[in-house]
Amino acid sequence: MKKDKRLMQFSQAHARLEEALATPLSQPLALDGTIKRFEFTFELAWKTLKAFLEDQGIQCQSPKGCLKEAFRLGWIADEDEEKWLALLQARNMTAHVYNEDMALEIYQTIKKHACLFSQLLKILPHYQ
């Protein structure tokens, strides 16, 4: 049940991130709002992965650890590893966004790799 709830929360967060990404950057709060929604989505993505991995008897305690297990199991394609690690780095950078240039860099990474969340949402139900 835990993983079903996580999957639903992840899906909802992803939908809100997609809404934010569709908002023109010229709109007030678009940049900050997108980054905040990305934080929620990334957190739910790795915690959903963690729940699915635990269901398989695999323990992981960190986003990077859970991602590495997902790569190892083939749940996430090898060619997407660098992209996921770029998202992880962007997530880690969000705690240190002090200027607009850094925020724009994070935003571009999110926009470039947000499709990975959709792919994960399509793949995970196969491992129920």
Protein backbone atom coordinates (compact mmCIF):
# COMPACT_ATOMS: atom_id res chain seq x y z
CA MET A 1 0.00 0.00 0.00
CA LYS A 2 2.86 2.38 0.79
CA LYS A 3 4.22 2.18 -2.72
CA ASP A 4 0.78 2.75 -4.28
CA LYS A 5 0.31 5.90 -2.20
CA ARG A 6 3.82 7.09 -3.09
CA LEU A 7 3.20 6.42 -6.77
CA MET A 8 -0.03 8.43 -6.68
CA GLN A 9 1.68 11.33 -4.86
CA PHE A 10 4.59 11.24 -7.32
CA SER A 11 2.16 11.29 -10.25
CA GLN A 12 0.30 14.28 -8.82
CA ALA A 13 3.54 16.17 -8.14
CA HIS A 14 4.73 15.43 -11.67
CA ALA A 15 1.49 16.82 -13.12
CA ARG A 16 1.98 20.03 -11.13
CA LEU A 17 5.58 20.26 -12.32
CA GLU A 18 4.42 19.94 -15.93
CA GLU A 19 1.94 22.78 -15.30
CA ALA A 20 4.75 24.93 -13.95
CA LEU A 21 6.99 24.15 -16.91
CA ALA A 22 4.20 25.24 -19.26
CA THR A 23 4.10 28.65 -17.58
CA PRO A 24 6.14 31.27 -19.46
CA LEU A 25 9.17 32.47 -17.51
CA SER A 26 7.92 36.01 -18.01
CA GLN A 27 5.13 35.26 -15.53
CA PRO A 28 5.74 36.29 -11.92
CA LEU A 29 6.91 33.39 -9.75
CA ALA A 30 7.28 31.00 -12.72
CA LEU A 31 10.96 30.37 -12.05
CA ASP A 32 10.67 29.96 -8.29
CA GLY A 33 7.43 27.99 -8.58
CA THR A 34 8.91 25.55 -11.08
CA ILE A 35 11.97 24.96 -8.92
CA LYS A 36 9.80 24.35 -5.84
CA ARG A 37 7.57 21.93 -7.72
CA PHE A 38 10.68 20.17 -9.02
CA GLU A 39 11.90 19.73 -5.44
CA PHE A 40 8.62 18.03 -4.49
CA THR A 41 8.62 15.88 -7.61
CA PHE A 42 12.22 14.75 -7.22
CA GLU A 43 11.71 13.91 -3.53
CA LEU A 44 8.64 11.86 -4.34
CA ALA A 45 10.40 10.17 -7.28
CA TRP A 46 13.25 8.82 -5.18
CA LYS A 47 11.00 7.95 -2.23
CA THR A 48 8.69 6.07 -4.61
CA LEU A 49 11.70 4.23 -6.00
CA LYS A 50 12.73 3.43 -2.43
CA ALA A 51 9.29 1.95 -1.66
CA PHE A 52 9.36 -0.20 -4.81
CA LEU A 53 12.91 -1.35 -4.07
CA GLU A 54 12.02 -2.22 -0.48
CA ASP A 55 9.17 -4.33 -1.84
CA GLN A 56 11.86 -6.27 -3.73
CA GLY A 57 13.91 -6.66 -0.53
CA ILE A 58 16.44 -4.00 -1.52
CA GLN A 59 17.37 -1.27 0.95
CA CYS A 60 18.56 2.18 -0.05
CA GLN A 61 18.81 5.26 2.11
CA SER A 62 19.56 8.12 -0.25
CA PRO A 63 18.41 9.40 -3.63
CA LYS A 64 21.71 8.42 -5.24
CA GLY A 65 21.62 4.95 -3.66
CA CYS A 66 18.06 4.34 -4.86
CA LEU A 67 18.90 5.56 -8.35
CA LYS A 68 21.95 3.29 -8.52
CA GLU A 69 19.79 0.28 -7.56
CA ALA A 70 17.22 1.23 -10.20
CA PHE A 71 20.01 1.43 -12.82
CA ARG A 72 21.39 -1.93 -11.66
CA LEU A 73 17.97 -3.59 -11.97
CA GLY A 74 17.34 -2.05 -15.38
CA TRP A 75 14.34 -0.08 -14.15
CA ILE A 76 16.04 3.03 -15.49
CA ALA A 77 17.94 2.76 -18.77
CA ASP A 78 21.72 3.05 -18.63
CA GLU A 79 21.65 5.88 -21.15
CA ASP A 80 19.55 7.91 -18.71
CA GLU A 81 21.96 7.57 -15.79
CA GLU A 82 23.77 10.86 -16.45
CA LYS A 83 20.45 12.66 -16.89
CA TRP A 84 19.14 11.38 -13.56
CA LEU A 85 22.39 12.36 -11.87
CA ALA A 86 22.02 15.84 -13.42
CA LEU A 87 18.55 16.04 -11.86
CA LEU A 88 19.99 14.93 -8.52
CA GLN A 89 22.66 17.61 -8.76
CA ALA A 90 20.00 20.20 -9.64
CA ARG A 91 17.96 19.09 -6.64
CA ASN A 92 20.98 19.46 -4.38
CA MET A 93 21.65 22.91 -5.82
CA THR A 94 18.12 24.12 -5.07
CA ALA A 95 19.04 24.44 -1.41
CA HIS A 96 21.74 26.93 -2.40
CA VAL A 97 19.99 29.13 -4.95
CA TYR A 98 21.22 32.61 -4.13
CA ASN A 99 21.04 34.27 -7.51
CA GLU A 100 18.93 34.29 -10.62
CA ASP A 101 21.68 32.89 -12.88
CA MET A 102 21.90 29.75 -10.75
CA ALA A 103 18.10 29.51 -10.64
CA LEU A 104 17.96 29.74 -14.45
CA GLU A 105 20.60 27.02 -14.76
CA ILE A 106 18.56 24.74 -12.49
CA TYR A 107 15.39 25.58 -14.44
CA GLN A 108 17.05 24.63 -17.75
CA THR A 109 18.17 21.28 -16.29
CA ILE A 110 14.64 20.62 -15.04
CA LYS A 111 13.10 21.53 -18.41
CA LYS A 112 15.63 19.39 -20.30
CA HIS A 113 15.19 16.25 -18.18
CA ALA A 114 11.63 16.44 -16.76
CA CYS A 115 10.58 13.72 -19.22
CA LEU A 116 12.49 11.24 -17.04
CA PHE A 117 9.78 11.53 -14.40
CA SER A 118 7.16 10.51 -17.01
CA GLN A 119 9.27 7.51 -18.00
CA LEU A 120 9.64 6.41 -14.38
CA LEU A 121 5.89 6.76 -13.80
CA LYS A 122 5.24 4.47 -16.80
CA ILE A 123 7.80 1.86 -15.75
CA LEU A 124 7.20 1.46 -12.01
CA PRO A 125 3.72 -0.12 -12.19
CA HIS A 126 5.32 -3.09 -13.99
CA TYR A 127 7.19 -3.89 -10.75
CA GLN A 128 4.13 -4.07 -8.47
